[in-house]
PDB file of N, CA and C in Angstrom:
ATOM      1  N   GLY A   1     118.302 103.148 107.421  1.00  0.00           N
ATOM      2  CA  GLY A   1     118.558 102.121 106.480  1.00  0.00           C
ATOM      3  C   GLY A   1     117.572 100.986 106.597  1.00  0.00           C
ATOM      4  N   GLY A   2     118.109  99.816 106.404  1.00  0.00           N
ATOM      5  CA  GLY A   2     117.302  98.629 106.431  1.00  0.00           C
ATOM      6  C   GLY A   2     117.000  98.143 105.029  1.00  0.00           C
ATOM      7  N   LEU A   3     116.237  97.061 104.986  1.00  0.00           N
ATOM      8  CA  LEU A   3     115.874  96.475 103.700  1.00  0.00           C
ATOM      9  C   LEU A   3     114.630  97.138 103.132  1.00  0.00           C
ATOM     10  N   GLY A   4     114.572  97.222 101.810  1.00  0.00           N
ATOM     11  CA  GLY A   4     113.400  97.778 101.124  1.00  0.00           C
ATOM     12  C   GLY A   4     112.232  96.790 101.215  1.00  0.00           C
ATOM     13  N   PRO A   5     111.052  97.226 100.801  1.00  0.00           N
ATOM     14  CA  PRO A   5     109.849  96.411 100.945  1.00  0.00           C
ATOM     15  C   PRO A   5     109.861  95.123 100.129  1.00  0.00           C
ATOM     16  N   SER A   6     110.595  95.041  99.022  1.00  0.00           N
ATOM     17  CA  SER A   6     110.608  93.821  98.231  1.00  0.00           C
ATOM     18  C   SER A   6     111.987  93.138  98.251  1.00  0.00           C
ATOM     19  N   ALA A   7     112.811  93.496  99.244  1.00  0.00           N
ATOM     20  CA  ALA A   7     114.133  92.878  99.351  1.00  0.00           C
ATOM     21  C   ALA A   7     114.013  91.513 100.016  1.00  0.00           C
ATOM     22  N   SER A   8     114.799  90.580  99.582  1.00  0.00           N
ATOM     23  CA  SER A   8     114.817  89.258 100.168  1.00  0.00           C
ATOM     24  C   SER A   8     115.529  89.310 101.532  1.00  0.00           C
ATOM     25  N   GLN A   9     114.895  88.750 102.556  1.00  0.00           N
ATOM     26  CA  GLN A   9     115.547  88.607 103.854  1.00  0.00           C
ATOM     27  C   GLN A   9     116.183  87.220 103.975  1.00  0.00           C
ATOM     28  N   ARG A  10     115.945  86.383 102.981  1.00  0.00           N
ATOM     29  CA  ARG A  10     116.338  84.965 103.095  1.00  0.00           C
ATOM     30  C   ARG A  10     117.482  84.575 102.202  1.00  0.00           C
ATOM     31  N   ARG A  11     117.846  85.396 101.208  1.00  0.00           N
ATOM     32  CA  ARG A  11     118.874  85.013 100.252  1.00  0.00           C
ATOM     33  C   ARG A  11     119.981  86.064 100.143  1.00  0.00           C
ATOM     34  N   ILE A  12     120.357  86.650 101.262  1.00  0.00           N
ATOM     35  CA  ILE A  12     121.421  87.672 101.268  1.00  0.00           C
ATOM     36  C   ILE A  12     122.757  86.951 101.089  1.00  0.00           C
ATOM     37  N   GLU A  13     123.599  87.546 100.238  1.00  0.00           N
ATOM     38  CA  GLU A  13     124.941  86.977  99.980  1.00  0.00           C
ATOM     39  C   GLU A  13     126.002  87.972 100.428  1.00  0.00           C
ATOM     40  N   ILE A  14     127.010  87.443 101.110  1.00  0.00           N
ATOM     41  CA  ILE A  14     128.171  88.243 101.525  1.00  0.00           C
ATOM     42  C   ILE A  14     129.385  87.644 100.859  1.00  0.00           C
ATOM     43  N   ARG A  15     130.040  88.424  99.996  1.00  0.00           N
ATOM     44  CA  ARG A  15     131.242  87.939  99.293  1.00  0.00           C
ATOM     45  C   ARG A  15     132.467  88.524  99.977  1.00  0.00           C
ATOM     46  N   ARG A  16     133.278  87.623 100.516  1.00  0.00           N
ATOM     47  CA  ARG A  16     134.513  87.994 101.209  1.00  0.00           C
ATOM     48  C   ARG A  16     135.610  88.363 100.205  1.00  0.00           C
ATOM     49  N   ARG A  17     136.643  89.025 100.657  1.00  0.00           N
ATOM     50  CA  ARG A  17     137.770  89.391  99.783  1.00  0.00           C
ATOM     51  C   ARG A  17     138.414  88.205  99.117  1.00  0.00           C
ATOM     52  N   ASP A  18     138.406  87.080  99.786  1.00  0.00           N
ATOM     53  CA  ASP A  18     139.054  85.861  99.238  1.00  0.00           C
ATOM     54  C   ASP A  18     138.159  85.116  98.257  1.00  0.00           C
ATOM     55  N   GLY A  19     136.955  85.640  98.001  1.00  0.00           N
ATOM     56  CA  GLY A  19     136.018  85.027  97.051  1.00  0.00           C
ATOM     57  C   GLY A  19     134.984  84.122  97.707  1.00  0.00           C
ATOM     58  N   THR A  20     135.148  83.862  98.996  1.00  0.00           N
ATOM     59  CA  THR A  20     134.158  83.041  99.712  1.00  0.00           C
ATOM     60  C   THR A  20     132.808  83.737  99.727  1.00  0.00           C
ATOM     61  N   VAL A  21     131.762  82.985  99.521  1.00  0.00           N
ATOM     62  CA  VAL A  21     130.402  83.548  99.563  1.00  0.00           C
ATOM     63  C   VAL A  21     129.673  82.923 100.744  1.00  0.00           C
ATOM     64  N   ILE A  22     129.116  83.773 101.589  1.00  0.00           N
ATOM     65  CA  ILE A  22     128.349  83.341 102.759  1.00  0.00           C
ATOM     66  C   ILE A  22     126.905  83.759 102.530  1.00  0.00           C
ATOM     67  N   ARG A  23     125.981  82.914 102.828  1.00  0.00           N
ATOM     68  CA  ARG A  23     124.549  83.202 102.685  1.00  0.00           C
ATOM     69  C   ARG A  23     123.979  83.502 104.076  1.00  0.00           C
ATOM     70  N   ALA A  24     123.152  84.515 104.114  1.00  0.00           N
ATOM     71  CA  ALA A  24     122.486  84.912 105.360  1.00  0.00           C
ATOM     72  C   ALA A  24     120.985  84.784 105.160  1.00  0.00           C
ATOM     73  N   ASP A  25     120.329  84.276 106.195  1.00  0.00           N
ATOM     74  CA  ASP A  25     118.850  84.129 106.171  1.00  0.00           C
ATOM     75  C   ASP A  25     118.337  84.858 107.434  1.00  0.00           C
ATOM     76  N   LEU A  26     117.982  86.146 107.281  1.00  0.00           N
ATOM     77  CA  LEU A  26     117.565  86.927 108.423  1.00  0.00           C
ATOM     78  C   LEU A  26     116.234  86.476 109.015  1.00  0.00           C
ATOM     79  N   LEU A  27     115.381  85.856 108.210  1.00  0.00           N
ATOM     80  CA  LEU A  27     114.121  85.337 108.756  1.00  0.00           C
ATOM     81  C   LEU A  27     114.438  84.203 109.767  1.00  0.00           C
ATOM     82  N   LEU A  28     115.303  83.267 109.352  1.00  0.00           N
ATOM     83  CA  LEU A  28     115.658  82.197 110.290  1.00  0.00           C
ATOM     84  C   LEU A  28     116.376  82.710 111.512  1.00  0.00           C
ATOM     85  N   TYR A  29     117.194  83.769 111.341  1.00  0.00           N
ATOM     86  CA  TYR A  29     117.877  84.382 112.479  1.00  0.00           C
ATOM     87  C   TYR A  29     116.840  84.962 113.446  1.00  0.00           C
ATOM     88  N   ASN A  30     115.850  85.687 112.913  1.00  0.00           N
ATOM     89  CA  ASN A  30     114.820  86.287 113.765  1.00  0.00           C
ATOM     90  C   ASN A  30     113.955  85.235 114.466  1.00  0.00           C
ATOM     91  N   LEU A  31     113.719  84.111 113.787  1.00  0.00           N
ATOM     92  CA  LEU A  31     112.855  83.062 114.364  1.00  0.00           C
ATOM     93  C   LEU A  31     113.602  82.212 115.373  1.00  0.00           C
ATOM     94  N   THR A  32     114.915  81.952 115.129  1.00  0.00           N
ATOM     95  CA  THR A  32     115.629  81.036 115.976  1.00  0.00           C
ATOM     96  C   THR A  32     116.667  81.688 116.901  1.00  0.00           C
ATOM     97  N   GLY A  33     117.150  82.861 116.514  1.00  0.00           N
ATOM     98  CA  GLY A  33     118.210  83.515 117.274  1.00  0.00           C
ATOM     99  C   GLY A  33     119.580  82.922 117.015  1.00  0.00           C
ATOM    100  N   ASP A  34     119.688  81.978 116.087  1.00  0.00           N
ATOM    101  CA  ASP A  34     120.924  81.291 115.804  1.00  0.00           C
ATOM    102  C   ASP A  34     121.804  82.183 114.920  1.00  0.00           C
ATOM    103  N   VAL A  35     122.957  82.587 115.427  1.00  0.00           N
ATOM    104  CA  VAL A  35     123.843  83.551 114.727  1.00  0.00           C
ATOM    105  C   VAL A  35     124.419  83.002 113.408  1.00  0.00           C
ATOM    106  N   LYS A  36     124.343  81.679 113.186  1.00  0.00           N
ATOM    107  CA  LYS A  36     124.860  81.163 111.933  1.00  0.00           C
ATOM    108  C   LYS A  36     124.056  81.710 110.743  1.00  0.00           C
ATOM    109  N   HIS A  37     122.829  82.207 110.966  1.00  0.00           N
ATOM    110  CA  HIS A  37     122.015  82.771 109.928  1.00  0.00           C
ATOM    111  C   HIS A  37     122.197  84.290 109.770  1.00  0.00           C
ATOM    112  N   ASN A  38     123.114  84.872 110.610  1.00  0.00           N
ATOM    113  CA  ASN A  38     123.360  86.304 110.576  1.00  0.00           C
ATOM    114  C   ASN A  38     124.841  86.563 110.739  1.00  0.00           C
ATOM    115  N   PRO A  39     125.655  86.288 109.696  1.00  0.00           N
ATOM    116  CA  PRO A  39     127.102  86.391 109.841  1.00  0.00           C
ATOM    117  C   PRO A  39     127.570  87.847 109.922  1.00  0.00           C
ATOM    118  N   PHE A  40     128.739  88.028 110.496  1.00  0.00           N
ATOM    119  CA  PHE A  40     129.354  89.345 110.605  1.00  0.00           C
ATOM    120  C   PHE A  40     129.805  89.800 109.244  1.00  0.00           C
ATOM    121  N   VAL A  41     129.756  91.109 109.011  1.00  0.00           N
ATOM    122  CA  VAL A  41     130.272  91.714 107.789  1.00  0.00           C
ATOM    123  C   VAL A  41     131.652  92.300 108.149  1.00  0.00           C
ATOM    124  N   LEU A  42     132.632  91.975 107.325  1.00  0.00           N
ATOM    125  CA  LEU A  42     133.982  92.412 107.542  1.00  0.00           C
ATOM    126  C   LEU A  42     134.357  93.522 106.553  1.00  0.00           C
ATOM    127  N   ASP A  43     135.412  94.254 106.855  1.00  0.00           N
ATOM    128  CA  ASP A  43     135.923  95.297 105.964  1.00  0.00           C
ATOM    129  C   ASP A  43     136.260  94.674 104.608  1.00  0.00           C
ATOM    130  N   GLY A  44     135.794  95.244 103.559  1.00  0.00           N
ATOM    131  CA  GLY A  44     136.037  94.747 102.203  1.00  0.00           C
ATOM    132  C   GLY A  44     134.981  93.793 101.676  1.00  0.00           C
ATOM    133  N   ASP A  45     134.042  93.378 102.502  1.00  0.00           N
ATOM    134  CA  ASP A  45     132.943  92.492 102.045  1.00  0.00           C
ATOM    135  C   ASP A  45     132.006  93.223 101.116  1.00  0.00           C
ATOM    136  N   VAL A  46     131.403  92.499 100.200  1.00  0.00           N
ATOM    137  CA  VAL A  46     130.380  93.031  99.327  1.00  0.00           C
ATOM    138  C   VAL A  46     129.068  92.289  99.676  1.00  0.00           C
ATOM    139  N   VAL A  47     128.048  93.055  99.991  1.00  0.00           N
ATOM    140  CA  VAL A  47     126.772  92.468 100.385  1.00  0.00           C
ATOM    141  C   VAL A  47     125.784  92.621  99.224  1.00  0.00           C
ATOM    142  N   ARG A  48     125.168  91.532  98.822  1.00  0.00           N
ATOM    143  CA  ARG A  48     124.176  91.526  97.742  1.00  0.00           C
ATOM    144  C   ARG A  48     122.822  91.129  98.365  1.00  0.00           C
ATOM    145  N   VAL A  49     121.839  91.988  98.172  1.00  0.00           N
ATOM    146  CA  VAL A  49     120.489  91.688  98.662  1.00  0.00           C
ATOM    147  C   VAL A  49     119.561  91.684  97.424  1.00  0.00           C
ATOM    148  N   PRO A  50     119.178  90.469  96.969  1.00  0.00           N
ATOM    149  CA  PRO A  50     118.315  90.390  95.794  1.00  0.00           C
ATOM    150  C   PRO A  50     116.874  90.712  96.146  1.00  0.00           C
ATOM    151  N   PHE A  51     116.036  90.829  95.130  1.00  0.00           N
ATOM    152  CA  PHE A  51     114.600  90.984  95.326  1.00  0.00           C
ATOM    153  C   PHE A  51     114.033  89.628  95.750  1.00  0.00           C
ATOM    154  N   GLU A  52     112.889  89.680  96.433  1.00  0.00           N
ATOM    155  CA  GLU A  52     112.202  88.424  96.809  1.00  0.00           C
ATOM    156  C   GLU A  52     111.807  87.697  95.523  1.00  0.00           C
ATOM    157  N   SER A  53     111.778  86.360  95.609  1.00  0.00           N
ATOM    158  CA  SER A  53     111.331  85.609  94.449  1.00  0.00           C
ATOM    159  C   SER A  53     109.912  85.060  94.730  1.00  0.00           C
ATOM    160  N   LEU A  54     109.789  83.824  95.151  1.00  0.00           N
ATOM    161  CA  LEU A  54     108.485  83.196  95.406  1.00  0.00           C
ATOM    162  C   LEU A  54     108.022  83.543  96.826  1.00  0.00           C
ATOM    163  N   VAL A  55     106.901  84.240  96.929  1.00  0.00           N
ATOM    164  CA  VAL A  55     106.384  84.718  98.219  1.00  0.00           C
ATOM    165  C   VAL A  55     104.949  84.193  98.386  1.00  0.00           C
ATOM    166  N   ALA A  56     104.654  83.727  99.601  1.00  0.00           N
ATOM    167  CA  ALA A  56     103.311  83.229  99.933  1.00  0.00           C
ATOM    168  C   ALA A  56     102.888  83.870 101.281  1.00  0.00           C
ATOM    169  N   SER A  57     101.611  84.012 101.427  1.00  0.00           N
ATOM    170  CA  SER A  57     101.064  84.517 102.689  1.00  0.00           C
ATOM    171  C   SER A  57     100.245  83.399 103.391  1.00  0.00           C
ATOM    172  N   ILE A  58     100.289  83.428 104.688  1.00  0.00           N
ATOM    173  CA  ILE A  58      99.508  82.490 105.457  1.00  0.00           C
ATOM    174  C   ILE A  58      98.817  83.229 106.584  1.00  0.00           C
ATOM    175  N   SER A  59      97.569  82.878 106.841  1.00  0.00           N
ATOM    176  CA  SER A  59      96.812  83.539 107.909  1.00  0.00           C
ATOM    177  C   SER A  59      95.922  82.526 108.583  1.00  0.00           C
ATOM    178  N   GLY A  60      95.215  82.958 109.607  1.00  0.00           N
ATOM    179  CA  GLY A  60      94.335  82.028 110.314  1.00  0.00           C
ATOM    180  C   GLY A  60      94.982  81.506 111.570  1.00  0.00           C
ATOM    181  N   ALA A  61      94.630  80.289 111.919  1.00  0.00           N
ATOM    182  CA  ALA A  61      95.092  79.660 113.166  1.00  0.00           C
ATOM    183  C   ALA A  61      96.448  79.028 112.976  1.00  0.00           C
ATOM    184  N   VAL A  62      97.487  79.880 112.768  1.00  0.00           N
ATOM    185  CA  VAL A  62      98.885  79.424 112.663  1.00  0.00           C
ATOM    186  C   VAL A  62      99.717  80.202 113.654  1.00  0.00           C
ATOM    187  N   ASN A  63     100.881  79.695 113.977  1.00  0.00           N
ATOM    188  CA  ASN A  63     101.749  80.368 114.966  1.00  0.00           C
ATOM    189  C   ASN A  63     102.197  81.752 114.542  1.00  0.00           C
ATOM    190  N   ARG A  64     102.605  81.915 113.308  1.00  0.00           N
ATOM    191  CA  ARG A  64     103.090  83.213 112.816  1.00  0.00           C
ATOM    192  C   ARG A  64     102.471  83.559 111.462  1.00  0.00           C
ATOM    193  N   PRO A  65     101.276  84.115 111.493  1.00  0.00           N
ATOM    194  CA  PRO A  65     100.711  84.535 110.209  1.00  0.00           C
ATOM    195  C   PRO A  65     101.566  85.614 109.579  1.00  0.00           C
ATOM    196  N   GLY A  66     101.571  85.649 108.247  1.00  0.00           N
ATOM    197  CA  GLY A  66     102.345  86.694 107.599  1.00  0.00           C
ATOM    198  C   GLY A  66     102.677  86.302 106.171  1.00  0.00           C
ATOM    199  N   ARG A  67     103.628  87.074 105.630  1.00  0.00           N
ATOM    200  CA  ARG A  67     104.074  86.909 104.244  1.00  0.00           C
ATOM    201  C   ARG A  67     105.487  86.383 104.321  1.00  0.00           C
ATOM    202  N   TYR A  68     105.775  85.280 103.608  1.00  0.00           N
ATOM    203  CA  TYR A  68     107.087  84.635 103.693  1.00  0.00           C
ATOM    204  C   TYR A  68     107.618  84.307 102.292  1.00  0.00           C
ATOM    205  N   GLU A  69     108.914  84.494 102.143  1.00  0.00           N
ATOM    206  CA  GLU A  69     109.574  84.088 100.901  1.00  0.00           C
ATOM    207  C   GLU A  69     109.970  82.626 101.061  1.00  0.00           C
ATOM    208  N   LEU A  70     109.653  81.838 100.047  1.00  0.00           N
ATOM    209  CA  LEU A  70     109.964  80.406 100.075  1.00  0.00           C
ATOM    210  C   LEU A  70     111.256  80.187  99.287  1.00  0.00           C
ATOM    211  N   VAL A  71     112.246  79.569  99.914  1.00  0.00           N
ATOM    212  CA  VAL A  71     113.560  79.411  99.285  1.00  0.00           C
ATOM    213  C   VAL A  71     114.046  77.978  99.229  1.00  0.00           C
ATOM    214  N   ALA A  72     113.487  77.105 100.024  1.00  0.00           N
ATOM    215  CA  ALA A  72     113.995  75.702 100.088  1.00  0.00           C
ATOM    216  C   ALA A  72     113.144  74.819  99.152  1.00  0.00           C
ATOM    217  N   THR A  73     112.076  74.255  99.714  1.00  0.00           N
ATOM    218  CA  THR A  73     111.261  73.325  98.952  1.00  0.00           C
ATOM    219  C   THR A  73     110.137  74.024  98.210  1.00  0.00           C
ATOM    220  N   SER A  74     109.898  75.298  98.518  1.00  0.00           N
ATOM    221  CA  SER A  74     108.845  76.078  97.873  1.00  0.00           C
ATOM    222  C   SER A  74     107.503  75.395  97.857  1.00  0.00           C
ATOM    223  N   ASP A  75     107.139  74.801  98.997  1.00  0.00           N
ATOM    224  CA  ASP A  75     105.838  74.117  99.098  1.00  0.00           C
ATOM    225  C   ASP A  75     105.127  74.513 100.399  1.00  0.00           C
ATOM    226  N   LEU A  76     103.962  73.938 100.621  1.00  0.00           N
ATOM    227  CA  LEU A  76     103.171  74.246 101.812  1.00  0.00           C
ATOM    228  C   LEU A  76     103.898  73.878 103.110  1.00  0.00           C
ATOM    229  N   ALA A  77     104.654  72.792 103.083  1.00  0.00           N
ATOM    230  CA  ALA A  77     105.402  72.394 104.277  1.00  0.00           C
ATOM    231  C   ALA A  77     106.386  73.449 104.708  1.00  0.00           C
ATOM    232  N   GLU A  78     107.089  74.042 103.750  1.00  0.00           N
ATOM    233  CA  GLU A  78     108.027  75.129 104.061  1.00  0.00           C
ATOM    234  C   GLU A  78     107.311  76.344 104.616  1.00  0.00           C
ATOM    235  N   LEU A  79     106.179  76.687 104.034  1.00  0.00           N
ATOM    236  CA  LEU A  79     105.375  77.830 104.523  1.00  0.00           C
ATOM    237  C   LEU A  79     104.924  77.609 105.968  1.00  0.00           C
ATOM    238  N   LEU A  80     104.423  76.401 106.273  1.00  0.00           N
ATOM    239  CA  LEU A  80     103.959  76.094 107.633  1.00  0.00           C
ATOM    240  C   LEU A  80     105.116  76.068 108.625  1.00  0.00           C
ATOM    241  N   ALA A  81     106.300  75.712 108.188  1.00  0.00           N
ATOM    242  CA  ALA A  81     107.457  75.636 109.082  1.00  0.00           C
ATOM    243  C   ALA A  81     108.026  77.034 109.358  1.00  0.00           C
ATOM    244  N   SER A  82     107.700  78.047 108.550  1.00  0.00           N
ATOM    245  CA  SER A  82     108.192  79.386 108.737  1.00  0.00           C
ATOM    246  C   SER A  82     107.629  80.032 110.004  1.00  0.00           C
TER     247      SER A  82
END
């Protein structure tokens, strides 16, 4: 399994039986290890994984070169913070 090549890792939605929606950001989970970005899935949950929206690449003398989906401010500062 896993996510497809154009699936968003940053805007995953988990809808609980009671209608509560939880957002998961697997990129932040991988970078920080903070479990609040990777919630548990419970029986009856519906998981929605949208396609990536705004994506930018960064290379050169940076900590983590790569391709990142921008979801917050959608600017250079967000890209450099990724």
